[in-house]
Amino acid sequence: MEFSKHNIFSKIADSDNYFIVNPLSGNADILEPQEAEAFKNKTGDNLNEFIEKGYLVDLQKEEQLFKSKYLDFIDDRDEDEVQLFFTPWYACNFNCSYCFQDEYTNPNEAVKHEVIDAFFNYVDRQFADRRKYITIFGGEPLLNNSAKKESIERIISEANKRGLDIAVVTNGYNLIDFIDVLKKGSIREIQVTVDGTQKVHDARRMLRGGKGSFDRIAEGIDDLLQNNIPVNLRMIIDKENVHNLPEFSRYAIEKGWTKSPLFKTALGRNYELHHCQTNNKRLFSRIEMYKEIYQIIKENPEVLEFHKPAFSIAKFIFENGELPNPLFDSCTGTKTEWAFDYTGKIYSCTATVGNDGDELGTFYPEVKLDEERIEEWEERDVLSITECSNCAVRLACGGGCTAVAKTQSGKINSPDCRPVQELLELGIGLYSEINI
């Protein structure tokens, strides 16, 4: 018997114990030092268990299992719900210090009604047999003037006619002005970005002209929750604000947000995309960020009431008592995600929407698709990326983000590698000590 190609085996952070995770067989174990040594030597009392759990395998049979699981993944993805982003404008009332859309053309005009109608007509035809929902994106979609508010109302009205849920990605500044509009729709969630407590947030996410935005956003979150509208609070992390995480967590706890079943959180890494932030020293690598968060949580465990980091698939394992299905592709672009904008162009995802040269076709004034480029996006997964072919963590990584990979290498079929082993070392170390 041979070691599985998909074993992820390493020592747990701040522990003498080891872990073994195999995303293909769906098994994971924590091993004491003597068990880990026996595993490495293919000896000991647990040998049959290692074989039963797919850690030691007949490589030919494992390849057959890999192919079977891959086909299951494709079938399941074809049945998944599709998220359709619509950007009615790229205009924004903020001057965030890390905006990746700051070089986009942002005419301060509302989307034409015929473009909204063309978008929904395209959705009706192209995604007729798929479960789907609409996410309103920007720029900043909730800009408080009559024409733009009317456009948002029209989008919500057209979604209602089709029984489609709506989500909104917003900076949150005008939430208090849009509550009545949002209540007219079937709202899946409102994603709001808040980068820390008032002083920290206002230094990063200010209005054009420099005025702070924190207090008004916090009031808007209160209004959403009071009106039973789900909130997804997203904090963008880099070296400037990561150490504010405990204080901001305590703020959210004291506000009562974390007690609400309608409130959830996400931590986003401030990262390199398109032109922006090249060689920016405030940016973390992915593993640098999670090492910082790991130490912060060890010293401030109350942070976990605000947010439980994924640490790759570690949180999933401890919360569910099992592994997620093998991840052959972590990029949703052109598979279960598409993006559309007010100019009538079609893109793969939110990381490419509006970026010149990334368009994949048009839905207005005519429907025209670049089938060759779309096919290249659709076919990208761990089987098409050469660098993934012999990588032990590929079924937990999935090849990463296509847009980032393309930005870094110029090629779609290249990897955006995730430090899965290192993340599991941290996550298993953290979550094995607590009951999550």
Protein backbone atom coordinates (compact mmCIF):
# COMPACT_ATOMS: atom_id res chain seq x y z
CA MET A 1 0.00 0.00 0.00
CA GLU A 2 1.14 3.53 -0.81
CA PHE A 3 0.53 6.84 0.88
CA SER A 4 -2.46 8.63 -0.63
CA LYS A 5 -1.61 11.51 -2.95
CA HIS A 6 -4.16 13.56 -1.03
CA ASN A 7 -2.86 13.18 2.52
CA ILE A 8 -2.27 16.49 4.29
CA PHE A 9 -0.07 15.51 7.22
CA SER A 10 1.61 17.93 9.60
CA LYS A 11 2.18 18.93 13.21
CA ILE A 12 -0.53 20.92 14.98
CA ALA A 13 0.42 24.46 15.97
CA ASP A 14 1.57 24.78 19.61
CA SER A 15 1.14 21.02 20.18
CA ASP A 16 3.15 17.81 20.17
CA ASN A 17 0.35 16.11 18.21
CA TYR A 18 -0.09 15.75 14.46
CA PHE A 19 -3.04 15.72 12.12
CA ILE A 20 -3.87 13.91 8.94
CA VAL A 21 -6.59 15.17 6.62
CA ASN A 22 -7.57 13.54 3.34
CA PRO A 23 -10.12 15.55 1.32
CA LEU A 24 -10.62 12.73 -1.21
CA SER A 25 -11.51 9.97 1.26
CA GLY A 26 -13.24 12.45 3.58
CA ASN A 27 -11.35 11.47 6.71
CA ALA A 28 -9.32 13.34 9.30
CA ASP A 29 -7.56 12.34 12.52
CA ILE A 30 -5.41 13.80 15.25
CA LEU A 31 -2.41 11.57 15.99
CA GLU A 32 -0.26 11.45 19.07
CA PRO A 33 3.51 11.52 18.39
CA GLN A 34 3.95 7.74 18.53
CA GLU A 35 0.94 7.22 16.23
CA ALA A 36 2.32 9.79 13.79
CA GLU A 37 5.67 7.99 13.75
CA ALA A 38 3.95 4.65 13.12
CA PHE A 39 1.97 6.24 10.28
CA LYS A 40 5.13 7.59 8.64
CA ASN A 41 6.66 4.11 8.86
CA LYS A 42 3.47 2.26 7.82
CA THR A 43 3.57 0.23 11.02
CA GLY A 44 1.69 -0.12 14.30
CA ASP A 45 -1.71 -1.17 15.54
CA ASN A 46 -3.56 1.46 13.48
CA LEU A 47 -2.31 0.24 10.10
CA ASN A 48 -5.63 -1.30 9.06
CA GLU A 49 -7.46 1.85 10.17
CA PHE A 50 -5.11 3.96 8.03
CA ILE A 51 -6.00 1.75 5.07
CA GLU A 52 -9.75 1.88 5.77
CA LYS A 53 -9.65 5.68 5.98
CA GLY A 54 -7.83 6.08 2.67
CA TYR A 55 -4.53 7.30 4.06
CA LEU A 56 -2.78 4.20 2.66
CA VAL A 57 -4.14 3.13 -0.72
CA ASP A 58 -3.83 1.21 -3.92
CA LEU A 59 -2.97 4.17 -6.18
CA GLN A 60 -4.91 2.80 -9.14
CA LYS A 61 -8.09 2.46 -7.06
CA GLU A 62 -7.54 5.93 -5.65
CA GLU A 63 -7.35 7.34 -9.16
CA GLN A 64 -10.70 5.71 -9.93
CA LEU A 65 -12.18 7.29 -6.78
CA PHE A 66 -10.74 10.66 -7.83
CA LYS A 67 -12.46 10.46 -11.22
CA SER A 68 -15.76 9.41 -9.64
CA LYS A 69 -15.65 12.25 -7.09
CA TYR A 70 -14.79 14.73 -9.86
CA LEU A 71 -17.87 13.74 -11.86
CA ASP A 72 -19.99 14.08 -8.72
CA PHE A 73 -18.55 17.56 -8.18
CA ILE A 74 -19.42 18.65 -11.71
CA ASP A 75 -22.94 17.23 -11.45
CA ASP A 76 -23.54 18.94 -8.11
CA ARG A 77 -22.19 22.26 -9.38
CA ASP A 78 -24.51 22.13 -12.38
CA GLU A 79 -27.42 21.97 -9.94
CA ASP A 80 -26.12 24.72 -7.63
CA GLU A 81 -27.77 28.10 -7.21
CA VAL A 82 -26.34 30.86 -9.41
CA GLN A 83 -25.46 34.28 -8.03
CA LEU A 84 -25.99 37.04 -10.60
CA PHE A 85 -24.31 40.36 -9.79
CA PHE A 86 -25.68 43.52 -11.33
CA THR A 87 -23.72 46.77 -11.16
CA PRO A 88 -26.00 49.74 -11.94
CA TRP A 89 -23.03 52.17 -11.79
CA TYR A 90 -19.44 52.34 -10.57
CA ALA A 91 -19.91 55.73 -8.95
CA CYS A 92 -19.19 55.82 -5.23
CA ASN A 93 -19.49 58.34 -2.40
CA PHE A 94 -16.42 56.95 -0.60
CA ASN A 95 -12.69 57.49 -1.04
CA CYS A 96 -11.42 54.25 0.51
CA SER A 97 -7.67 53.97 0.89
CA TYR A 98 -7.52 50.60 -0.89
CA CYS A 99 -10.15 50.85 -3.65
CA PHE A 100 -9.46 48.53 -6.60
CA GLN A 101 -12.03 50.31 -8.78
CA ASP A 102 -10.48 53.77 -8.51
CA GLU A 103 -9.34 53.78 -12.13
CA TYR A 104 -12.67 52.64 -13.54
CA THR A 105 -14.78 55.07 -15.53
CA ASN A 106 -17.44 56.20 -13.08
CA PRO A 107 -19.88 58.60 -14.73
CA ASN A 108 -22.32 59.82 -12.11
CA GLU A 109 -25.47 58.69 -13.91
CA ALA A 110 -28.22 56.19 -13.21
CA VAL A 111 -28.53 53.01 -15.21
CA LYS A 112 -31.04 53.23 -18.04
CA HIS A 113 -34.32 51.41 -17.50
CA GLU A 114 -33.91 49.58 -20.80
CA VAL A 115 -30.61 48.15 -19.55
CA ILE A 116 -32.29 46.82 -16.39
CA ASP A 117 -35.01 45.29 -18.56
CA ALA A 118 -32.42 43.77 -20.90
CA PHE A 119 -30.59 42.27 -17.91
CA PHE A 120 -33.71 40.56 -16.59
CA ASN A 121 -34.67 39.38 -20.08
CA TYR A 122 -31.21 37.83 -20.42
CA VAL A 123 -31.56 36.18 -17.00
CA ASP A 124 -34.98 34.82 -17.98
CA ARG A 125 -33.54 33.17 -21.10
CA GLN A 126 -30.03 32.16 -20.09
CA PHE A 127 -30.78 30.89 -16.58
CA ALA A 128 -34.34 29.70 -17.04
CA ASP A 129 -33.75 26.29 -15.46
CA ARG A 130 -31.36 27.33 -12.69
CA ARG A 131 -31.99 28.37 -9.10
CA LYS A 132 -30.67 31.92 -8.83
CA TYR A 133 -30.66 35.21 -6.99
CA ILE A 134 -29.56 38.76 -7.75
CA THR A 135 -26.84 40.67 -5.93
CA ILE A 136 -26.72 44.44 -6.46
CA PHE A 137 -23.10 45.57 -6.60
CA GLY A 138 -21.04 48.69 -7.31
CA GLY A 139 -19.30 51.10 -6.98
CA GLU A 140 -21.76 51.94 -4.29
CA PRO A 141 -25.29 50.85 -5.28
CA LEU A 142 -27.13 52.71 -2.51
CA LEU A 143 -26.50 56.29 -3.57
CA ASN A 144 -29.18 58.57 -2.21
CA ASN A 145 -30.55 60.58 -5.08
CA SER A 146 -33.94 60.19 -6.71
CA ALA A 147 -32.80 58.71 -10.03
CA LYS A 148 -30.53 56.11 -8.44
CA LYS A 149 -33.06 55.18 -5.79
CA GLU A 150 -35.66 54.72 -8.54
CA SER A 151 -33.24 52.37 -10.35
CA ILE A 152 -32.75 50.25 -7.23
CA GLU A 153 -36.51 50.12 -6.74
CA ARG A 154 -36.93 48.95 -10.34
CA ILE A 155 -34.36 46.16 -9.90
CA ILE A 156 -36.10 44.98 -6.74
CA SER A 157 -39.50 45.16 -8.45
CA GLU A 158 -38.32 43.07 -11.42
CA ALA A 159 -36.78 40.53 -9.05
CA ASN A 160 -40.05 40.34 -7.11
CA LYS A 161 -41.97 39.59 -10.33
CA ARG A 162 -39.75 36.55 -10.80
CA GLY A 163 -39.70 35.44 -7.17
CA LEU A 164 -35.96 36.11 -6.91
CA ASP A 165 -34.12 36.98 -3.73
CA ILE A 166 -31.97 40.09 -3.61
CA ALA A 167 -28.64 40.69 -1.88
CA VAL A 168 -26.81 44.02 -1.75
CA VAL A 169 -23.09 44.76 -1.34
CA THR A 170 -22.83 48.26 0.12
CA ASN A 171 -20.54 50.53 2.10
CA GLY A 172 -23.54 51.06 4.36
CA TYR A 173 -23.54 54.84 4.53
CA ASN A 174 -27.04 55.29 3.11
CA LEU A 175 -28.71 52.24 4.63
CA ILE A 176 -30.90 54.40 6.86
CA ASP A 177 -32.25 56.11 3.72
CA PHE A 178 -32.96 52.84 1.90
CA ILE A 179 -34.67 50.76 4.59
CA ASP A 180 -38.14 51.30 3.14
CA VAL A 181 -36.90 50.43 -0.36
CA LEU A 182 -35.13 47.27 0.82
CA LYS A 183 -38.19 46.11 2.74
CA LYS A 184 -40.05 45.86 -0.58
CA GLY A 185 -37.79 42.99 -1.68
CA SER A 186 -37.04 39.46 -0.56
CA ILE A 187 -33.65 40.29 0.91
CA ARG A 188 -31.15 37.42 1.19
CA GLU A 189 -28.59 39.61 2.97
CA ILE A 190 -26.99 43.04 3.02
CA GLN A 191 -23.20 42.87 3.01
CA VAL A 192 -21.71 45.89 4.78
CA THR A 193 -17.99 46.61 5.14
CA VAL A 194 -16.77 47.98 8.46
CA ASP A 195 -13.01 47.98 9.02
CA GLY A 196 -12.89 48.36 12.79
CA THR A 197 -13.96 50.77 15.49
CA GLN A 198 -14.70 54.38 14.65
CA LYS A 199 -11.19 55.82 14.62
CA VAL A 200 -9.71 52.96 12.63
CA HIS A 201 -12.60 52.62 10.18
CA ASP A 202 -12.87 56.35 9.48
CA ALA A 203 -9.16 56.54 8.60
CA ARG A 204 -9.68 53.92 5.88
CA ARG A 205 -13.25 54.25 4.64
CA MET A 206 -14.13 57.91 4.50
CA LEU A 207 -16.47 59.95 2.34
CA ARG A 208 -15.10 61.91 -0.56
CA GLY A 209 -13.93 65.05 1.18
CA GLY A 210 -12.66 63.14 4.21
CA LYS A 211 -15.68 62.93 6.50
CA GLY A 212 -15.95 59.77 8.60
CA SER A 213 -18.61 57.16 7.93
CA PHE A 214 -18.64 54.82 10.94
CA ASP A 215 -21.49 56.21 13.05
CA ARG A 216 -23.96 56.37 10.20
CA ILE A 217 -23.10 52.82 9.06
CA ALA A 218 -23.56 51.47 12.59
CA GLU A 219 -26.97 53.15 12.73
CA GLY A 220 -27.84 51.52 9.42
CA ILE A 221 -26.88 48.06 10.70
CA ASP A 222 -29.11 48.62 13.73
CA ASP A 223 -31.98 49.56 11.41
CA LEU A 224 -31.50 46.45 9.25
CA LEU A 225 -31.57 44.09 12.21
CA GLN A 226 -34.57 45.84 13.75
CA ASN A 227 -36.39 45.34 10.46
CA ASN A 228 -35.42 41.64 10.27
CA ILE A 229 -33.09 42.12 7.32
CA PRO A 230 -30.00 39.84 7.45
CA VAL A 231 -26.59 41.51 7.74
CA ASN A 232 -23.23 40.14 6.61
CA LEU A 233 -20.61 42.42 8.18
CA ARG A 234 -17.29 42.24 6.36
CA MET A 235 -14.04 43.56 7.81
CA ILE A 236 -11.17 44.06 5.35
CA ILE A 237 -7.91 43.15 7.08
CA ASP A 238 -4.35 44.34 6.56
CA LYS A 239 -1.44 45.32 8.82
CA GLU A 240 -3.00 48.70 9.60
CA ASN A 241 -6.14 47.42 11.29
CA VAL A 242 -5.72 43.74 12.26
CA HIS A 243 -4.90 44.57 15.89
CA ASN A 244 -8.21 46.45 16.16
CA LEU A 245 -10.07 43.15 15.75
CA PRO A 246 -10.52 42.46 19.51
CA GLU A 247 -11.83 45.96 20.25
CA PHE A 248 -14.16 45.87 17.26
CA SER A 249 -15.37 42.41 18.29
CA ARG A 250 -16.20 43.73 21.74
CA TYR A 251 -18.03 46.67 20.17
CA ALA A 252 -20.21 44.34 18.07
CA ILE A 253 -20.88 42.14 21.11
CA GLU A 254 -21.86 45.13 23.24
CA LYS A 255 -24.15 46.39 20.48
CA GLY A 256 -25.96 43.06 20.64
CA TRP A 257 -25.30 42.35 16.97
CA THR A 258 -23.62 38.99 17.56
CA LYS A 259 -26.69 37.70 19.44
CA SER A 260 -28.91 38.18 16.41
CA PRO A 261 -29.52 35.11 14.20
CA LEU A 262 -29.65 37.59 11.30
CA PHE A 263 -26.05 38.74 11.84
CA LYS A 264 -22.96 37.06 10.44
CA THR A 265 -19.41 38.17 9.71
CA ALA A 266 -16.57 37.70 7.26
CA LEU A 267 -12.92 38.71 7.35
CA GLY A 268 -11.55 39.68 3.96
CA ARG A 269 -7.87 40.00 3.20
CA ASN A 270 -6.83 43.27 1.57
CA TYR A 271 -4.98 41.92 -1.46
CA GLU A 272 -3.41 42.68 -4.79
CA LEU A 273 -5.92 42.91 -7.64
CA HIS A 274 -5.56 44.51 -11.08
CA HIS A 275 -3.39 47.66 -10.90
CA CYS A 276 -3.72 48.50 -7.25
CA GLN A 277 -1.48 48.11 -4.24
CA THR A 278 1.45 46.50 -6.01
CA ASN A 279 4.27 46.10 -3.47
CA ASN A 280 2.05 47.70 -0.82
CA LYS A 281 3.78 46.99 2.48
CA ARG A 282 0.59 47.02 4.51
CA LEU A 283 -0.72 43.91 2.76
CA PHE A 284 -0.55 40.49 4.38
CA SER A 285 0.02 37.28 2.55
CA ARG A 286 -2.83 34.90 3.32
CA ILE A 287 -0.83 32.89 5.87
CA GLU A 288 0.61 36.04 7.48
CA MET A 289 -2.90 37.31 8.11
CA TYR A 290 -4.12 34.08 9.64
CA LYS A 291 -1.04 33.75 11.85
CA GLU A 292 -1.84 37.20 13.24
CA ILE A 293 -5.50 36.30 13.73
CA TYR A 294 -4.54 33.01 15.42
CA GLN A 295 -2.39 34.83 17.97
CA ILE A 296 -5.03 37.51 18.51
CA ILE A 297 -7.70 34.91 19.23
CA LYS A 298 -5.40 32.98 21.58
CA GLU A 299 -4.98 36.19 23.59
CA ASN A 300 -8.55 37.46 23.07
CA PRO A 301 -10.90 34.45 22.80
CA GLU A 302 -13.95 36.72 22.85
CA VAL A 303 -13.19 37.45 19.19
CA LEU A 304 -14.73 34.05 18.41
CA GLU A 305 -18.15 35.37 19.43
CA PHE A 306 -17.75 37.91 16.62
CA HIS A 307 -16.07 35.71 14.03
CA LYS A 308 -14.77 32.15 13.72
CA PRO A 309 -12.11 32.07 10.97
CA ALA A 310 -12.27 29.19 8.49
CA PHE A 311 -8.55 28.29 8.56
CA SER A 312 -9.13 26.48 5.25
CA ILE A 313 -11.47 23.57 6.10
CA ALA A 314 -10.56 23.36 9.82
CA LYS A 315 -13.65 25.18 11.11
CA PHE A 316 -15.91 23.08 8.87
CA ILE A 317 -14.43 19.85 10.26
CA PHE A 318 -14.94 20.84 13.89
CA GLU A 319 -18.41 22.32 13.38
CA ASN A 320 -19.74 19.46 11.26
CA GLY A 321 -17.77 16.44 12.43
CA GLU A 322 -16.87 15.62 8.84
CA LEU A 323 -14.97 17.02 5.86
CA PRO A 324 -16.57 19.03 3.07
CA ASN A 325 -16.74 17.40 -0.34
CA PRO A 326 -13.50 17.51 -2.35
CA LEU A 327 -12.98 20.95 -3.92
CA PHE A 328 -11.92 20.47 -7.52
CA ASP A 329 -12.52 24.14 -8.31
CA SER A 330 -12.75 27.07 -5.89
CA CYS A 331 -13.55 29.64 -8.61
CA THR A 332 -17.26 30.25 -9.11
CA GLY A 333 -16.80 32.62 -12.07
CA THR A 334 -18.92 31.60 -15.13
CA LYS A 335 -20.07 28.48 -13.24
CA THR A 336 -22.23 29.64 -10.34
CA GLU A 337 -21.42 33.35 -10.58
CA TRP A 338 -21.76 35.94 -13.32
CA ALA A 339 -21.53 39.72 -13.25
CA PHE A 340 -23.26 42.34 -15.40
CA ASP A 341 -22.99 46.12 -15.51
CA TYR A 342 -24.89 49.20 -16.61
CA THR A 343 -22.94 49.40 -19.90
CA GLY A 344 -24.45 46.09 -21.02
CA LYS A 345 -21.27 44.05 -20.55
CA ILE A 346 -20.97 40.58 -19.06
CA TYR A 347 -18.11 39.47 -16.79
CA SER A 348 -17.15 36.36 -14.88
CA CYS A 349 -17.34 37.66 -11.31
CA THR A 350 -17.03 40.63 -8.95
CA ALA A 351 -13.22 40.62 -9.20
CA THR A 352 -13.38 41.29 -12.95
CA VAL A 353 -16.58 43.30 -13.39
CA GLY A 354 -15.83 46.68 -14.92
CA ASN A 355 -12.15 45.91 -15.53
CA ASP A 356 -11.27 46.80 -19.11
CA GLY A 357 -10.33 43.70 -21.06
CA ASP A 358 -12.09 41.21 -18.79
CA GLU A 359 -15.51 41.40 -20.43
CA LEU A 360 -16.89 38.11 -21.80
CA GLY A 361 -19.71 39.51 -23.88
CA THR A 362 -22.73 41.81 -23.84
CA PHE A 363 -26.43 41.54 -22.97
CA TYR A 364 -27.24 45.06 -24.21
CA PRO A 365 -27.86 46.51 -26.77
CA GLU A 366 -27.45 43.00 -28.21
CA VAL A 367 -26.56 39.61 -26.79
CA LYS A 368 -23.08 38.65 -27.91
CA LEU A 369 -20.84 36.15 -26.09
CA ASP A 370 -17.15 35.40 -26.44
CA GLU A 371 -17.63 31.65 -26.29
CA GLU A 372 -13.92 30.84 -26.47
CA ARG A 373 -13.02 32.99 -23.45
CA ILE A 374 -16.05 31.77 -21.51
CA GLU A 375 -15.07 28.17 -22.18
CA GLU A 376 -11.56 28.85 -20.88
CA TRP A 377 -13.02 30.16 -17.62
CA GLU A 378 -15.52 27.32 -17.36
CA GLU A 379 -12.90 24.61 -17.86
CA ARG A 380 -10.37 25.94 -15.35
CA ASP A 381 -10.03 23.66 -12.34
CA VAL A 382 -7.35 21.59 -10.63
CA LEU A 383 -7.26 19.22 -13.61
CA SER A 384 -6.49 21.98 -16.13
CA ILE A 385 -3.82 23.74 -14.03
CA THR A 386 -0.46 22.01 -14.51
CA GLU A 387 0.91 23.22 -11.17
CA CYS A 388 -1.99 21.54 -9.34
CA SER A 389 -1.42 18.07 -10.80
CA ASN A 390 0.80 16.72 -8.01
CA CYS A 391 -0.24 18.99 -5.16
CA ALA A 392 -1.43 17.20 -2.02
CA VAL A 393 -3.69 20.08 -0.94
CA ARG A 394 -5.41 20.68 -4.27
CA LEU A 395 -8.78 19.23 -3.14
CA ALA A 396 -8.90 21.69 -0.25
CA CYS A 397 -7.52 24.61 -2.28
CA GLY A 398 -9.33 24.19 -5.59
CA GLY A 399 -6.78 26.23 -7.52
CA GLY A 400 -7.72 29.52 -5.86
CA CYS A 401 -9.07 32.67 -7.52
CA THR A 402 -8.88 32.84 -11.31
CA ALA A 403 -8.82 36.64 -11.37
CA VAL A 404 -5.87 36.79 -8.96
CA ALA A 405 -4.05 34.02 -10.84
CA LYS A 406 -4.55 35.89 -14.13
CA THR A 407 -3.35 39.16 -12.56
CA GLN A 408 -0.22 37.47 -11.22
CA SER A 409 0.73 35.31 -14.21
CA GLY A 410 -1.24 36.61 -17.16
CA LYS A 411 -2.81 33.15 -17.59
CA ILE A 412 -6.21 31.85 -16.57
CA ASN A 413 -4.92 28.29 -16.23
CA SER A 414 -2.49 29.11 -13.45
CA PRO A 415 -2.88 28.69 -9.69
CA ASP A 416 -3.66 31.14 -6.92
CA CYS A 417 -2.15 28.85 -4.30
CA ARG A 418 -3.64 28.67 -0.81
CA PRO A 419 -1.44 27.73 2.19
CA VAL A 420 -3.81 24.93 3.17
CA GLN A 421 -1.39 22.90 5.30
CA GLU A 422 -0.28 25.92 7.32
CA LEU A 423 -3.87 27.08 7.78
CA LEU A 424 -4.89 23.64 9.03
CA GLU A 425 -1.99 23.62 11.48
CA LEU A 426 -3.37 26.82 12.99
CA GLY A 427 -7.07 26.01 12.76
CA ILE A 428 -6.86 22.49 14.13
CA GLY A 429 -4.61 23.80 16.91
CA LEU A 430 -7.14 26.49 17.81
CA TYR A 431 -10.40 24.58 17.44
CA SER A 432 -9.19 21.35 19.06
CA GLU A 433 -8.76 23.37 22.28
CA ILE A 434 -12.29 24.81 22.33
CA ASN A 435 -15.83 23.65 21.68
CA ILE A 436 -17.15 25.46 18.61
